[in-house]
C-alpha atoms as a PDB file:
ATOM      1  CA  MET A   1      96.106-154.403 -54.017  1.00  0.00           C
ATOM      2  CA  ASP A   2      96.588-151.508 -51.639  1.00  0.00           C
ATOM      3  CA  GLN A   3      99.947-150.188 -50.607  1.00  0.00           C
ATOM      4  CA  ALA A   4      99.395-151.771 -46.967  1.00  0.00           C
ATOM      5  CA  THR A   5      98.563-155.185 -48.301  1.00  0.00           C
ATOM      6  CA  HIS A   6     101.759-155.156 -50.386  1.00  0.00           C
ATOM      7  CA  LYS A   7     104.068-154.071 -47.459  1.00  0.00           C
ATOM      8  CA  ARG A   8     102.835-156.945 -45.511  1.00  0.00           C
ATOM      9  CA  TYR A   9     103.619-159.240 -48.231  1.00  0.00           C
ATOM     10  CA  LEU A  10     106.967-158.116 -48.665  1.00  0.00           C
ATOM     11  CA  ASP A  11     107.389-158.559 -44.947  1.00  0.00           C
ATOM     12  CA  TYR A  12     106.035-161.779 -45.232  1.00  0.00           C
ATOM     13  CA  ARG A  13     108.669-162.826 -48.001  1.00  0.00           C
ATOM     14  CA  ASP A  14     111.482-161.253 -45.793  1.00  0.00           C
ATOM     15  CA  ARG A  15     110.419-163.289 -43.063  1.00  0.00           C
ATOM     16  CA  PHE A  16     110.057-166.699 -45.391  1.00  0.00           C
ATOM     17  CA  SER A  17     113.606-166.253 -46.207  1.00  0.00           C
ATOM     18  CA  TYR A  18     115.052-166.614 -42.949  1.00  0.00           C
ATOM     19  CA  PHE A  19     111.976-168.865 -41.418  1.00  0.00           C
ATOM     20  CA  GLY A  20     110.134-170.667 -44.523  1.00  0.00           C
ATOM     21  CA  ARG A  21     112.736-172.812 -45.913  1.00  0.00           C
ATOM     22  CA  LYS A  22     111.077-176.234 -45.462  1.00  0.00           C
ATOM     23  CA  MET A  23     107.689-174.545 -46.898  1.00  0.00           C
ATOM     24  CA  LYS A  24     106.419-173.454 -50.053  1.00  0.00           C
ATOM     25  CA  GLN A  25     106.184-169.655 -50.592  1.00  0.00           C
ATOM     26  CA  LEU A  26     103.087-168.026 -51.257  1.00  0.00           C
ATOM     27  CA  SER A  27     102.446-165.961 -54.382  1.00  0.00           C
ATOM     28  CA  MET A  28     101.103-162.487 -53.715  1.00  0.00           C
ATOM     29  CA  ALA A  29      97.360-163.819 -54.624  1.00  0.00           C
ATOM     30  CA  GLU A  30      97.766-166.800 -52.367  1.00  0.00           C
ATOM     31  CA  TYR A  31      99.031-164.651 -49.713  1.00  0.00           C
ATOM     32  CA  VAL A  32      95.835-162.223 -50.300  1.00  0.00           C
ATOM     33  CA  VAL A  33      93.540-165.104 -49.679  1.00  0.00           C
ATOM     34  CA  ALA A  34      95.332-166.729 -46.853  1.00  0.00           C
ATOM     35  CA  GLU A  35      95.415-163.193 -45.133  1.00  0.00           C
ATOM     36  CA  LYS A  36      91.570-162.742 -45.792  1.00  0.00           C
ATOM     37  CA  GLU A  37      90.767-166.213 -44.218  1.00  0.00           C
ATOM     38  CA  LEU A  38      92.866-165.612 -41.080  1.00  0.00           C
ATOM     39  CA  ASN A  39      91.393-161.971 -40.436  1.00  0.00           C
ATOM     40  CA  GLU A  40      87.986-163.692 -40.786  1.00  0.00           C
ATOM     41  CA  LEU A  41      88.677-166.195 -38.530  1.00  0.00           C
ATOM     42  CA  ALA A  42      90.670-163.902 -36.204  1.00  0.00           C
ATOM     43  CA  ALA A  43      87.276-161.908 -36.153  1.00  0.00           C
ATOM     44  CA  LEU A  44      85.276-164.587 -34.904  1.00  0.00           C
ATOM     45  CA  GLY A  45      87.389-164.717 -31.716  1.00  0.00           C
ATOM     46  CA  GLU A  46      88.859-167.909 -29.630  1.00  0.00           C
ATOM     47  CA  ALA A  47      85.473-168.396 -28.308  1.00  0.00           C
ATOM     48  CA  GLY A  48      83.650-168.182 -31.507  1.00  0.00           C
ATOM     49  CA  ARG A  49      85.677-170.956 -33.793  1.00  0.00           C
ATOM     50  CA  ASP A  50      85.321-174.540 -33.410  1.00  0.00           C
ATOM     51  CA  ASP A  51      88.019-177.090 -33.112  1.00  0.00           C
ATOM     52  CA  GLU A  52      88.500-177.156 -36.992  1.00  0.00           C
ATOM     53  CA  GLU A  53      88.485-173.482 -37.449  1.00  0.00           C
ATOM     54  CA  GLU A  54      90.843-173.028 -34.389  1.00  0.00           C
ATOM     55  CA  ASP A  55      93.325-175.349 -36.201  1.00  0.00           C
ATOM     56  CA  ARG A  56      93.040-173.727 -39.536  1.00  0.00           C
ATOM     57  CA  PHE A  57      93.679-170.570 -37.732  1.00  0.00           C
ATOM     58  CA  ARG A  58      96.524-171.700 -35.811  1.00  0.00           C
ATOM     59  CA  ALA A  59      97.946-173.240 -39.407  1.00  0.00           C
ATOM     60  CA  LEU A  60      97.598-169.633 -41.072  1.00  0.00           C
ATOM     61  CA  GLU A  61      99.188-168.006 -38.326  1.00  0.00           C
ATOM     62  CA  LYS A  62     102.297-170.273 -38.985  1.00  0.00           C
ATOM     63  CA  ILE A  63     102.189-170.410 -42.585  1.00  0.00           C
ATOM     64  CA  LEU A  64     102.126-166.276 -42.616  1.00  0.00           C
ATOM     65  CA  PHE A  65     104.480-165.861 -39.837  1.00  0.00           C
ATOM     66  CA  LYS A  66     102.101-163.930 -37.583  1.00  0.00           C
ATOM     67  CA  ASP A  67     102.248-166.469 -34.582  1.00  0.00           C
END
């Protein structure tokens, strides 16, 4: 894992300690997979995502505290 990804994961953990009390905290491996999926969906753009993909995109934003 590169340093930038590791830093983003540590930032996620910091935000989780404040905002994520009712959620399951992601492991580093789970975080990497979720962030990759979020980035792929973001690359499609709002116009390129269907309704299901848009719902998943919004859910991942909330899970990763990027909303």
